[in-house]
C-alpha atoms as a PDB file:
ATOM      1  CA  MET A   1     -20.860  -5.458   2.165  1.00  0.00           C
ATOM      2  CA  SER A   2     -18.670  -3.722   4.735  1.00  0.00           C
ATOM      3  CA  THR A   3     -14.974  -2.975   4.228  1.00  0.00           C
ATOM      4  CA  LYS A   4     -14.144  -5.334   7.073  1.00  0.00           C
ATOM      5  CA  THR A   5     -16.081  -8.188   5.493  1.00  0.00           C
ATOM      6  CA  THR A   6     -14.445  -7.572   2.126  1.00  0.00           C
ATOM      7  CA  ARG A   7     -11.000  -7.694   3.709  1.00  0.00           C
ATOM      8  CA  ARG A   8     -11.843 -10.942   5.492  1.00  0.00           C
ATOM      9  CA  GLY A   9     -13.080 -12.471   2.274  1.00  0.00           C
ATOM     10  CA  PHE A  10      -9.969 -11.400   0.401  1.00  0.00           C
ATOM     11  CA  LEU A  11      -7.632 -12.774   3.060  1.00  0.00           C
ATOM     12  CA  ALA A  12      -9.543 -16.042   3.252  1.00  0.00           C
ATOM     13  CA  ALA A  13      -9.334 -16.532  -0.515  1.00  0.00           C
ATOM     14  CA  LEU A  14      -5.660 -15.609  -0.663  1.00  0.00           C
ATOM     15  CA  THR A  15      -4.800 -17.810   2.305  1.00  0.00           C
ATOM     16  CA  THR A  16      -6.526 -20.798   0.719  1.00  0.00           C
ATOM     17  CA  THR A  17      -4.576 -20.301  -2.502  1.00  0.00           C
ATOM     18  CA  THR A  18      -1.169 -19.834  -0.875  1.00  0.00           C
ATOM     19  CA  ALA A  19      -1.700 -22.636   1.630  1.00  0.00           C
ATOM     20  CA  ALA A  20      -2.675 -25.060  -1.136  1.00  0.00           C
ATOM     21  CA  ALA A  21       0.373 -24.106  -3.165  1.00  0.00           C
ATOM     22  CA  ALA A  22       2.651 -24.500  -0.159  1.00  0.00           C
ATOM     23  CA  ALA A  23       1.173 -27.879   0.713  1.00  0.00           C
ATOM     24  CA  ALA A  24       1.497 -29.121  -2.850  1.00  0.00           C
ATOM     25  CA  SER A  25       5.271 -29.331  -2.612  1.00  0.00           C
ATOM     26  CA  SER A  26       7.402 -30.410   0.318  1.00  0.00           C
ATOM     27  CA  PRO A  27       9.943 -27.817   1.558  1.00  0.00           C
ATOM     28  CA  MET A  28      12.601 -30.466   0.980  1.00  0.00           C
ATOM     29  CA  VAL A  29      11.875 -30.690  -2.767  1.00  0.00           C
ATOM     30  CA  ARG A  30      14.797 -28.867  -4.325  1.00  0.00           C
ATOM     31  CA  SER A  31      13.126 -27.625  -7.491  1.00  0.00           C
ATOM     32  CA  SER A  32      10.961 -24.572  -6.818  1.00  0.00           C
ATOM     33  CA  THR A  33       9.464 -24.457 -10.307  1.00  0.00           C
ATOM     34  CA  ALA A  34       7.209 -27.524 -10.435  1.00  0.00           C
ATOM     35  CA  ARG A  35       3.426 -27.057 -10.297  1.00  0.00           C
ATOM     36  CA  SER A  36       0.283 -28.891 -11.246  1.00  0.00           C
ATOM     37  CA  GLY A  37      -2.218 -27.612 -13.770  1.00  0.00           C
ATOM     38  CA  GLU A  38      -4.486 -26.357 -10.996  1.00  0.00           C
ATOM     39  CA  ASP A  39      -1.905 -24.204  -9.218  1.00  0.00           C
ATOM     40  CA  PRO A  40      -1.616 -20.451  -9.792  1.00  0.00           C
ATOM     41  CA  LEU A  41       1.095 -19.137 -12.114  1.00  0.00           C
ATOM     42  CA  PHE A  42       3.129 -18.363  -9.017  1.00  0.00           C
ATOM     43  CA  SER A  43       2.630 -18.325  -5.273  1.00  0.00           C
ATOM     44  CA  ILE A  44       3.225 -15.328  -3.002  1.00  0.00           C
ATOM     45  CA  SER A  45       5.528 -15.298   0.019  1.00  0.00           C
ATOM     46  CA  LEU A  46       6.629 -12.592   2.444  1.00  0.00           C
ATOM     47  CA  ALA A  47      10.250 -11.659   3.094  1.00  0.00           C
ATOM     48  CA  GLN A  48      10.933 -10.771   6.719  1.00  0.00           C
ATOM     49  CA  TRP A  49      12.850  -7.688   5.618  1.00  0.00           C
ATOM     50  CA  SER A  50       9.526  -6.094   4.669  1.00  0.00           C
ATOM     51  CA  LEU A  51       8.929  -5.657   8.411  1.00  0.00           C
ATOM     52  CA  HIS A  52      12.461  -4.661   9.411  1.00  0.00           C
ATOM     53  CA  ARG A  53      11.387  -1.471  11.157  1.00  0.00           C
ATOM     54  CA  SER A  54       8.793  -3.298  13.247  1.00  0.00           C
ATOM     55  CA  LEU A  55      11.284  -6.032  14.116  1.00  0.00           C
ATOM     56  CA  ARG A  56      14.061  -3.644  15.046  1.00  0.00           C
ATOM     57  CA  SER A  57      11.769  -1.518  17.201  1.00  0.00           C
ATOM     58  CA  GLY A  58      10.468  -4.548  19.083  1.00  0.00           C
ATOM     59  CA  LYS A  59       6.921  -4.050  17.819  1.00  0.00           C
ATOM     60  CA  LEU A  60       7.162  -7.489  16.200  1.00  0.00           C
ATOM     61  CA  ASP A  61       9.269 -10.500  17.171  1.00  0.00           C
ATOM     62  CA  THR A  62      10.736 -13.114  14.832  1.00  0.00           C
ATOM     63  CA  LEU A  63       8.790 -15.826  16.645  1.00  0.00           C
ATOM     64  CA  GLU A  64       5.588 -13.980  15.732  1.00  0.00           C
ATOM     65  CA  PHE A  65       6.490 -13.366  12.101  1.00  0.00           C
ATOM     66  CA  ALA A  66       5.006 -16.457  10.449  1.00  0.00           C
ATOM     67  CA  ALA A  67       1.615 -16.110  12.164  1.00  0.00           C
ATOM     68  CA  TYR A  68       1.635 -12.360  11.459  1.00  0.00           C
ATOM     69  CA  ALA A  69       2.157 -13.025   7.734  1.00  0.00           C
ATOM     70  CA  ARG A  70      -0.825 -15.388   7.695  1.00  0.00           C
ATOM     71  CA  ASP A  71      -3.195 -13.463   9.960  1.00  0.00           C
ATOM     72  CA  THR A  72      -2.499  -9.958   8.641  1.00  0.00           C
ATOM     73  CA  PHE A  73      -1.850 -10.534   4.949  1.00  0.00           C
ATOM     74  CA  GLY A  74      -3.230 -13.992   4.165  1.00  0.00           C
ATOM     75  CA  ILE A  75       0.248 -15.170   3.133  1.00  0.00           C
ATOM     76  CA  ALA A  76       1.195 -18.757   3.967  1.00  0.00           C
ATOM     77  CA  ALA A  77       4.918 -18.823   3.064  1.00  0.00           C
ATOM     78  CA  VAL A  78       7.783 -16.789   4.522  1.00  0.00           C
ATOM     79  CA  GLU A  79      11.439 -15.957   3.944  1.00  0.00           C
ATOM     80  CA  TYR A  80      13.524 -15.279   7.040  1.00  0.00           C
ATOM     81  CA  VAL A  81      16.461 -12.861   7.430  1.00  0.00           C
ATOM     82  CA  ASN A  82      19.264 -13.996   9.736  1.00  0.00           C
ATOM     83  CA  GLN A  83      19.871 -10.456  11.027  1.00  0.00           C
ATOM     84  CA  PHE A  84      16.753 -10.760  13.178  1.00  0.00           C
ATOM     85  CA  PHE A  85      17.898 -13.914  14.975  1.00  0.00           C
ATOM     86  CA  ALA A  86      21.651 -13.756  14.355  1.00  0.00           C
ATOM     87  CA  ASP A  87      22.597 -15.396  17.661  1.00  0.00           C
ATOM     88  CA  LYS A  88      20.111 -18.260  17.284  1.00  0.00           C
ATOM     89  CA  ALA A  89      21.620 -20.234  14.400  1.00  0.00           C
ATOM     90  CA  THR A  90      22.580 -23.133  16.675  1.00  0.00           C
ATOM     91  CA  ASP A  91      19.895 -22.617  19.329  1.00  0.00           C
ATOM     92  CA  PHE A  92      17.583 -25.480  18.426  1.00  0.00           C
ATOM     93  CA  ASP A  93      15.176 -24.712  21.247  1.00  0.00           C
ATOM     94  CA  TYR A  94      14.576 -21.308  19.655  1.00  0.00           C
ATOM     95  CA  LEU A  95      14.535 -22.721  16.123  1.00  0.00           C
ATOM     96  CA  GLY A  96      12.154 -25.412  17.298  1.00  0.00           C
ATOM     97  CA  GLU A  97       9.791 -22.734  18.584  1.00  0.00           C
ATOM     98  CA  MET A  98      10.030 -20.912  15.225  1.00  0.00           C
ATOM     99  CA  LYS A  99       9.249 -24.140  13.423  1.00  0.00           C
ATOM    100  CA  ALA A 100       6.343 -25.026  15.705  1.00  0.00           C
ATOM    101  CA  ARG A 101       4.751 -21.594  15.446  1.00  0.00           C
ATOM    102  CA  ALA A 102       5.010 -21.609  11.648  1.00  0.00           C
ATOM    103  CA  ALA A 103       3.437 -25.062  11.534  1.00  0.00           C
ATOM    104  CA  ASP A 104       0.654 -23.996  13.896  1.00  0.00           C
ATOM    105  CA  ALA A 105      -0.089 -21.042  11.621  1.00  0.00           C
ATOM    106  CA  GLY A 106      -0.050 -23.234   8.488  1.00  0.00           C
ATOM    107  CA  VAL A 107       2.922 -21.312   7.086  1.00  0.00           C
ATOM    108  CA  ALA A 108       5.758 -22.777   4.997  1.00  0.00           C
ATOM    109  CA  SER A 109       9.336 -21.661   5.739  1.00  0.00           C
ATOM    110  CA  LEU A 110      11.087 -21.212   2.401  1.00  0.00           C
ATOM    111  CA  LEU A 111      14.553 -19.827   2.986  1.00  0.00           C
ATOM    112  CA  ILE A 112      16.875 -17.799   5.214  1.00  0.00           C
ATOM    113  CA  MET A 113      18.609 -14.714   3.818  1.00  0.00           C
ATOM    114  CA  ILE A 114      22.151 -14.630   5.200  1.00  0.00           C
ATOM    115  CA  ASP A 115      24.140 -11.436   5.774  1.00  0.00           C
ATOM    116  CA  GLY A 116      27.190 -10.548   7.858  1.00  0.00           C
ATOM    117  CA  GLU A 117      28.989 -13.895   7.629  1.00  0.00           C
ATOM    118  CA  GLY A 118      31.918 -12.862   5.445  1.00  0.00           C
ATOM    119  CA  ALA A 119      32.724 -12.376   1.772  1.00  0.00           C
ATOM    120  CA  LEU A 120      32.515 -15.562  -0.285  1.00  0.00           C
ATOM    121  CA  ALA A 121      34.670 -14.056  -3.061  1.00  0.00           C
ATOM    122  CA  ASP A 122      37.274 -12.530  -0.739  1.00  0.00           C
ATOM    123  CA  ALA A 123      40.751 -12.363  -2.261  1.00  0.00           C
ATOM    124  CA  ASP A 124      42.223 -13.572   1.036  1.00  0.00           C
ATOM    125  CA  ALA A 125      41.991 -17.365   1.101  1.00  0.00           C
ATOM    126  CA  LYS A 126      41.822 -17.564   4.902  1.00  0.00           C
ATOM    127  CA  ARG A 127      38.975 -15.051   5.174  1.00  0.00           C
ATOM    128  CA  ARG A 128      37.157 -16.777   2.325  1.00  0.00           C
ATOM    129  CA  ALA A 129      37.427 -20.136   4.091  1.00  0.00           C
ATOM    130  CA  GLU A 130      36.109 -18.558   7.293  1.00  0.00           C
ATOM    131  CA  ALA A 131      33.163 -17.085   5.378  1.00  0.00           C
ATOM    132  CA  ILE A 132      32.301 -20.487   3.940  1.00  0.00           C
ATOM    133  CA  ALA A 133      32.498 -22.100   7.383  1.00  0.00           C
ATOM    134  CA  ASN A 134      30.352 -19.325   8.886  1.00  0.00           C
ATOM    135  CA  HIS A 135      27.514 -20.243   6.527  1.00  0.00           C
ATOM    136  CA  HIS A 136      27.457 -23.922   7.502  1.00  0.00           C
ATOM    137  CA  LYS A 137      25.416 -23.347  10.655  1.00  0.00           C
ATOM    138  CA  TRP A 138      22.767 -21.527   8.638  1.00  0.00           C
ATOM    139  CA  ILE A 139      22.461 -24.428   6.227  1.00  0.00           C
ATOM    140  CA  VAL A 140      21.796 -26.710   9.172  1.00  0.00           C
ATOM    141  CA  ALA A 141      19.312 -24.220  10.641  1.00  0.00           C
ATOM    142  CA  ALA A 142      17.509 -23.850   7.310  1.00  0.00           C
ATOM    143  CA  SER A 143      17.199 -27.601   6.983  1.00  0.00           C
ATOM    144  CA  PHE A 144      15.829 -27.879  10.523  1.00  0.00           C
ATOM    145  CA  LEU A 145      13.195 -25.229   9.774  1.00  0.00           C
ATOM    146  CA  GLY A 146      12.127 -27.027   6.585  1.00  0.00           C
ATOM    147  CA  CYS A 147      13.488 -24.452   4.123  1.00  0.00           C
ATOM    148  CA  HIS A 148      14.725 -25.241   0.617  1.00  0.00           C
ATOM    149  CA  SER A 149      17.595 -22.702   0.474  1.00  0.00           C
ATOM    150  CA  ILE A 150      19.788 -20.135   2.102  1.00  0.00           C
ATOM    151  CA  ARG A 151      20.375 -16.867   0.264  1.00  0.00           C
ATOM    152  CA  VAL A 152      24.003 -15.707   0.320  1.00  0.00           C
ATOM    153  CA  ASN A 153      25.939 -12.747  -1.054  1.00  0.00           C
ATOM    154  CA  ALA A 154      28.677 -13.049  -3.671  1.00  0.00           C
ATOM    155  CA  ALA A 155      30.729 -10.166  -2.295  1.00  0.00           C
ATOM    156  CA  GLY A 156      34.475  -9.972  -2.694  1.00  0.00           C
ATOM    157  CA  SER A 157      37.448  -7.978  -3.842  1.00  0.00           C
ATOM    158  CA  GLY A 158      39.873  -7.881  -6.730  1.00  0.00           C
ATOM    159  CA  GLU A 159      39.445  -8.108 -10.477  1.00  0.00           C
ATOM    160  CA  ARG A 160      36.116  -9.001 -12.045  1.00  0.00           C
ATOM    161  CA  GLU A 161      37.270 -12.329 -13.466  1.00  0.00           C
ATOM    162  CA  ALA A 162      39.028 -13.412 -10.297  1.00  0.00           C
ATOM    163  CA  GLN A 163      36.015 -12.535  -8.148  1.00  0.00           C
ATOM    164  CA  ALA A 164      33.763 -14.601 -10.379  1.00  0.00           C
ATOM    165  CA  GLU A 165      36.030 -17.629 -10.096  1.00  0.00           C
ATOM    166  CA  ARG A 166      36.353 -17.355  -6.317  1.00  0.00           C
ATOM    167  CA  ALA A 167      32.613 -16.829  -5.872  1.00  0.00           C
ATOM    168  CA  ALA A 168      31.845 -19.902  -7.972  1.00  0.00           C
ATOM    169  CA  GLU A 169      34.306 -22.059  -6.033  1.00  0.00           C
ATOM    170  CA  SER A 170      32.872 -20.943  -2.681  1.00  0.00           C
ATOM    171  CA  LEU A 171      29.295 -21.501  -3.822  1.00  0.00           C
ATOM    172  CA  VAL A 172      30.064 -25.023  -4.989  1.00  0.00           C
ATOM    173  CA  GLU A 173      31.783 -25.812  -1.705  1.00  0.00           C
ATOM    174  CA  LEU A 174      28.754 -24.541   0.209  1.00  0.00           C
ATOM    175  CA  ALA A 175      26.343 -26.397  -2.060  1.00  0.00           C
ATOM    176  CA  GLU A 176      28.232 -29.634  -1.512  1.00  0.00           C
ATOM    177  CA  PHE A 177      27.781 -29.125   2.222  1.00  0.00           C
ATOM    178  CA  GLY A 178      24.145 -28.230   1.589  1.00  0.00           C
ATOM    179  CA  ASP A 179      23.649 -31.479  -0.326  1.00  0.00           C
ATOM    180  CA  GLN A 180      23.855 -33.297   2.998  1.00  0.00           C
ATOM    181  CA  TYR A 181      20.874 -31.324   4.292  1.00  0.00           C
ATOM    182  CA  GLY A 182      18.769 -30.872   1.165  1.00  0.00           C
ATOM    183  CA  ILE A 183      19.533 -27.144   1.100  1.00  0.00           C
ATOM    184  CA  ASP A 184      20.346 -25.094  -1.988  1.00  0.00           C
ATOM    185  CA  VAL A 185      22.608 -22.045  -1.991  1.00  0.00           C
ATOM    186  CA  ILE A 186      21.192 -19.103  -3.910  1.00  0.00           C
ATOM    187  CA  VAL A 187      22.673 -15.695  -4.661  1.00  0.00           C
ATOM    188  CA  GLU A 188      20.795 -12.413  -4.826  1.00  0.00           C
ATOM    189  CA  ASN A 189      21.822  -9.418  -6.893  1.00  0.00           C
ATOM    190  CA  HIS A 190      22.750  -7.427  -3.808  1.00  0.00           C
ATOM    191  CA  GLY A 191      25.309  -4.747  -4.584  1.00  0.00           C
ATOM    192  CA  GLY A 192      28.762  -4.610  -6.109  1.00  0.00           C
ATOM    193  CA  LEU A 193      29.446  -6.967  -8.983  1.00  0.00           C
ATOM    194  CA  SER A 194      26.488  -9.128  -7.992  1.00  0.00           C
ATOM    195  CA  SER A 195      24.195  -6.330  -9.222  1.00  0.00           C
ATOM    196  CA  ASP A 196      25.656  -6.822 -12.701  1.00  0.00           C
ATOM    197  CA  GLY A 197      23.369  -9.477 -14.152  1.00  0.00           C
ATOM    198  CA  SER A 198      25.890 -10.692 -16.713  1.00  0.00           C
ATOM    199  CA  TRP A 199      28.559 -11.153 -14.023  1.00  0.00           C
ATOM    200  CA  LEU A 200      26.299 -13.126 -11.701  1.00  0.00           C
ATOM    201  CA  ALA A 201      25.010 -15.262 -14.567  1.00  0.00           C
ATOM    202  CA  ASP A 202      28.634 -16.051 -15.419  1.00  0.00           C
ATOM    203  CA  VAL A 203      29.234 -17.099 -11.798  1.00  0.00           C
ATOM    204  CA  MET A 204      26.316 -19.523 -12.117  1.00  0.00           C
ATOM    205  CA  LYS A 205      27.794 -21.000 -15.293  1.00  0.00           C
ATOM    206  CA  ARG A 206      31.179 -21.399 -13.642  1.00  0.00           C
ATOM    207  CA  ALA A 207      29.615 -23.070 -10.606  1.00  0.00           C
ATOM    208  CA  GLY A 208      27.594 -25.525 -12.683  1.00  0.00           C
ATOM    209  CA  HIS A 209      26.170 -27.197  -9.576  1.00  0.00           C
ATOM    210  CA  PRO A 210      22.455 -28.110  -9.306  1.00  0.00           C
ATOM    211  CA  GLY A 211      22.391 -26.809  -5.739  1.00  0.00           C
ATOM    212  CA  VAL A 212      23.638 -23.346  -6.737  1.00  0.00           C
ATOM    213  CA  GLY A 213      21.170 -20.799  -8.051  1.00  0.00           C
ATOM    214  CA  THR A 214      19.939 -17.238  -7.975  1.00  0.00           C
ATOM    215  CA  LEU A 215      17.332 -15.130  -6.215  1.00  0.00           C
ATOM    216  CA  PRO A 216      16.641 -12.352  -8.735  1.00  0.00           C
ATOM    217  CA  ASP A 217      15.512  -9.159  -7.004  1.00  0.00           C
ATOM    218  CA  PHE A 218      13.475  -6.684  -9.051  1.00  0.00           C
ATOM    219  CA  GLY A 219      15.286  -3.663  -7.680  1.00  0.00           C
ATOM    220  CA  ASN A 220      18.813  -4.426  -6.465  1.00  0.00           C
ATOM    221  CA  PHE A 221      20.728  -3.392  -9.559  1.00  0.00           C
ATOM    222  CA  HIS A 222      22.661  -0.394  -8.244  1.00  0.00           C
ATOM    223  CA  LEU A 223      26.276  -0.712  -9.408  1.00  0.00           C
ATOM    224  CA  GLY A 224      27.551   2.201  -7.320  1.00  0.00           C
ATOM    225  CA  GLY A 225      28.532   5.707  -8.283  1.00  0.00           C
ATOM    226  CA  GLY A 226      24.988   6.478  -9.371  1.00  0.00           C
ATOM    227  CA  LYS A 227      25.090   3.799 -12.083  1.00  0.00           C
ATOM    228  CA  TRP A 228      22.350   1.201 -12.516  1.00  0.00           C
ATOM    229  CA  TYR A 229      22.212  -2.070 -14.407  1.00  0.00           C
ATOM    230  CA  ASP A 230      19.020  -2.470 -16.435  1.00  0.00           C
ATOM    231  CA  ARG A 231      16.687  -4.334 -14.074  1.00  0.00           C
ATOM    232  CA  TYR A 232      14.700  -6.111 -16.785  1.00  0.00           C
ATOM    233  CA  ARG A 233      17.817  -7.334 -18.546  1.00  0.00           C
ATOM    234  CA  GLY A 234      19.314  -8.372 -15.201  1.00  0.00           C
ATOM    235  CA  VAL A 235      16.300 -10.408 -14.124  1.00  0.00           C
ATOM    236  CA  GLU A 236      16.140 -12.036 -17.555  1.00  0.00           C
ATOM    237  CA  GLU A 237      19.807 -13.049 -17.248  1.00  0.00           C
ATOM    238  CA  LEU A 238      19.337 -14.481 -13.756  1.00  0.00           C
ATOM    239  CA  MET A 239      16.028 -16.300 -14.209  1.00  0.00           C
ATOM    240  CA  PRO A 240      17.479 -19.457 -15.836  1.00  0.00           C
ATOM    241  CA  TYR A 241      19.118 -20.173 -12.451  1.00  0.00           C
ATOM    242  CA  ALA A 242      16.346 -18.885 -10.170  1.00  0.00           C
ATOM    243  CA  LYS A 243      15.152 -20.925  -7.194  1.00  0.00           C
ATOM    244  CA  ALA A 244      13.313 -17.937  -5.665  1.00  0.00           C
ATOM    245  CA  VAL A 245      12.273 -14.443  -6.792  1.00  0.00           C
ATOM    246  CA  SER A 246      12.094 -11.196  -4.823  1.00  0.00           C
ATOM    247  CA  ALA A 247       9.454  -8.599  -5.743  1.00  0.00           C
ATOM    248  CA  LYS A 248      11.138  -5.468  -4.419  1.00  0.00           C
ATOM    249  CA  SER A 249       8.846  -2.483  -3.945  1.00  0.00           C
ATOM    250  CA  HIS A 250       9.328   1.100  -2.753  1.00  0.00           C
ATOM    251  CA  GLU A 251       6.639   3.530  -3.859  1.00  0.00           C
ATOM    252  CA  PHE A 252       3.205   3.250  -5.472  1.00  0.00           C
ATOM    253  CA  ASP A 253       1.126   5.614  -7.586  1.00  0.00           C
ATOM    254  CA  GLY A 254      -2.568   6.322  -7.225  1.00  0.00           C
ATOM    255  CA  GLU A 255      -3.447   3.258  -9.293  1.00  0.00           C
ATOM    256  CA  GLY A 256      -1.509   0.920  -7.028  1.00  0.00           C
ATOM    257  CA  LEU A 257       1.388   0.460  -9.472  1.00  0.00           C
ATOM    258  CA  GLU A 258       4.987   0.349  -8.291  1.00  0.00           C
ATOM    259  CA  THR A 259       6.717   3.491  -9.579  1.00  0.00           C
ATOM    260  CA  LYS A 260      10.202   2.043 -10.227  1.00  0.00           C
ATOM    261  CA  THR A 261       9.352  -1.383 -11.649  1.00  0.00           C
ATOM    262  CA  ASP A 262       6.785  -2.372 -14.248  1.00  0.00           C
ATOM    263  CA  TYR A 263       5.502  -5.491 -12.474  1.00  0.00           C
ATOM    264  CA  ARG A 264       3.629  -6.753 -15.508  1.00  0.00           C
ATOM    265  CA  ARG A 265       6.740  -6.600 -17.664  1.00  0.00           C
ATOM    266  CA  MET A 266       8.890  -8.097 -14.908  1.00  0.00           C
ATOM    267  CA  LEU A 267       6.554 -10.969 -14.113  1.00  0.00           C
ATOM    268  CA  LYS A 268       6.255 -11.824 -17.799  1.00  0.00           C
ATOM    269  CA  ILE A 269      10.053 -12.244 -17.792  1.00  0.00           C
ATOM    270  CA  VAL A 270       9.839 -14.427 -14.682  1.00  0.00           C
ATOM    271  CA  LEU A 271       7.141 -16.659 -16.160  1.00  0.00           C
ATOM    272  CA  ALA A 272       8.769 -16.850 -19.593  1.00  0.00           C
ATOM    273  CA  ALA A 273      11.736 -18.545 -17.900  1.00  0.00           C
ATOM    274  CA  GLY A 274       9.410 -21.336 -16.779  1.00  0.00           C
ATOM    275  CA  TYR A 275       9.459 -20.294 -13.125  1.00  0.00           C
ATOM    276  CA  ARG A 276       6.389 -21.358 -11.148  1.00  0.00           C
ATOM    277  CA  GLY A 277       7.610 -21.014  -7.565  1.00  0.00           C
ATOM    278  CA  HIS A 278       7.115 -18.331  -4.932  1.00  0.00           C
ATOM    279  CA  VAL A 279       7.519 -14.619  -5.597  1.00  0.00           C
ATOM    280  CA  GLY A 280       8.478 -12.969  -2.326  1.00  0.00           C
ATOM    281  CA  ILE A 281       7.199  -9.556  -1.268  1.00  0.00           C
ATOM    282  CA  GLU A 282      10.057  -7.329  -0.133  1.00  0.00           C
ATOM    283  CA  TYR A 283       8.664  -3.898   0.647  1.00  0.00           C
ATOM    284  CA  GLU A 284      11.476  -1.465   1.348  1.00  0.00           C
ATOM    285  CA  GLY A 285       9.765   1.894   0.987  1.00  0.00           C
ATOM    286  CA  GLY A 286       9.633   4.572   3.633  1.00  0.00           C
ATOM    287  CA  GLY A 287       6.663   6.575   2.421  1.00  0.00           C
ATOM    288  CA  LYS A 288       3.999   4.243   3.779  1.00  0.00           C
ATOM    289  CA  PRO A 289       3.641   2.086   6.895  1.00  0.00           C
ATOM    290  CA  GLU A 290       5.118  -1.374   6.405  1.00  0.00           C
ATOM    291  CA  ASP A 291       1.754  -3.141   6.548  1.00  0.00           C
ATOM    292  CA  GLU A 292       0.316  -0.872   3.875  1.00  0.00           C
ATOM    293  CA  GLY A 293       3.357  -1.294   1.630  1.00  0.00           C
ATOM    294  CA  ILE A 294       3.132  -5.068   1.948  1.00  0.00           C
ATOM    295  CA  GLU A 295      -0.583  -5.011   1.123  1.00  0.00           C
ATOM    296  CA  LEU A 296      -0.010  -2.813  -1.919  1.00  0.00           C
ATOM    297  CA  THR A 297       2.727  -5.157  -3.187  1.00  0.00           C
ATOM    298  CA  ARG A 298       0.574  -8.225  -2.550  1.00  0.00           C
ATOM    299  CA  ASP A 299      -2.420  -6.702  -4.307  1.00  0.00           C
ATOM    300  CA  LEU A 300      -0.305  -5.738  -7.310  1.00  0.00           C
ATOM    301  CA  LEU A 301       1.153  -9.260  -7.562  1.00  0.00           C
ATOM    302  CA  VAL A 302      -2.344 -10.754  -7.395  1.00  0.00           C
ATOM    303  CA  ARG A 303      -3.656  -8.294  -9.989  1.00  0.00           C
ATOM    304  CA  VAL A 304      -0.876  -9.033 -12.474  1.00  0.00           C
ATOM    305  CA  ARG A 305      -1.076 -12.767 -11.832  1.00  0.00           C
ATOM    306  CA  ASP A 306      -4.796 -12.673 -12.622  1.00  0.00           C
ATOM    307  CA  GLU A 307      -4.157 -10.666 -15.791  1.00  0.00           C
ATOM    308  CA  LEU A 308      -1.521 -13.127 -17.005  1.00  0.00           C
ATOM    309  CA  SER A 309      -3.438 -16.277 -16.091  1.00  0.00           C
END
């Protein structure tokens, strides 16, 4: 059998699996952990950030992203990043084209990752209120696209305890707005205090709202100053609140294993928490072309999923 035929067979099999999993649950269903006995342990999605160099260079356009994920990688669920269509949040002609192209490709839109809209734990009440308001349009956009969540950042200033309280208050306020649109508000460990798993877990407890959750990222545990929070402990602390999961990858060894994260150990933590939703590929390495890095991450996720099934 030729290499080309093998690749086609692999993509066809993977596409069938991911498409079935995506179709099994409506994007408007707010729990991302439910599955039937016939579904895989988890489904695989693709984060748009994995192709940030192609998008920024103009090689790939956001409108092409969903079909590219399906046709190139056999992945039928995607996670958008607002940076790549920052001026389109209220442009429903553009969003309608995004939605139509994803539907035509048989791809589910899961969430939008939001950056650059202000600090939700800002010590200044006026700036914090502006940040909350800035996120409203993305909640509406996410709902229009058929997503289940927006991912936000819990950035801020001031003392640890005060930041946690302000972050929780802002998240609840956003989630209450999101309730009107069936959209959850989820926080990624994404620098600063949010990369401290115990701090972010405490924010979740303070929020105590069913529409507030986490997006644990396998690799974003840099605390600054060369210090790192233990990634396995951090993911374990964040998984009880997870509504999505990000499989960060950078480099791979000759056996196709990620060199910074033990995927088998990490995915066992994810599954032990009862999570059965999508695990999103987020390739961020610079040593390999983006397509190759995405394929290596996908293949590793499939390999470990098969081993654990």
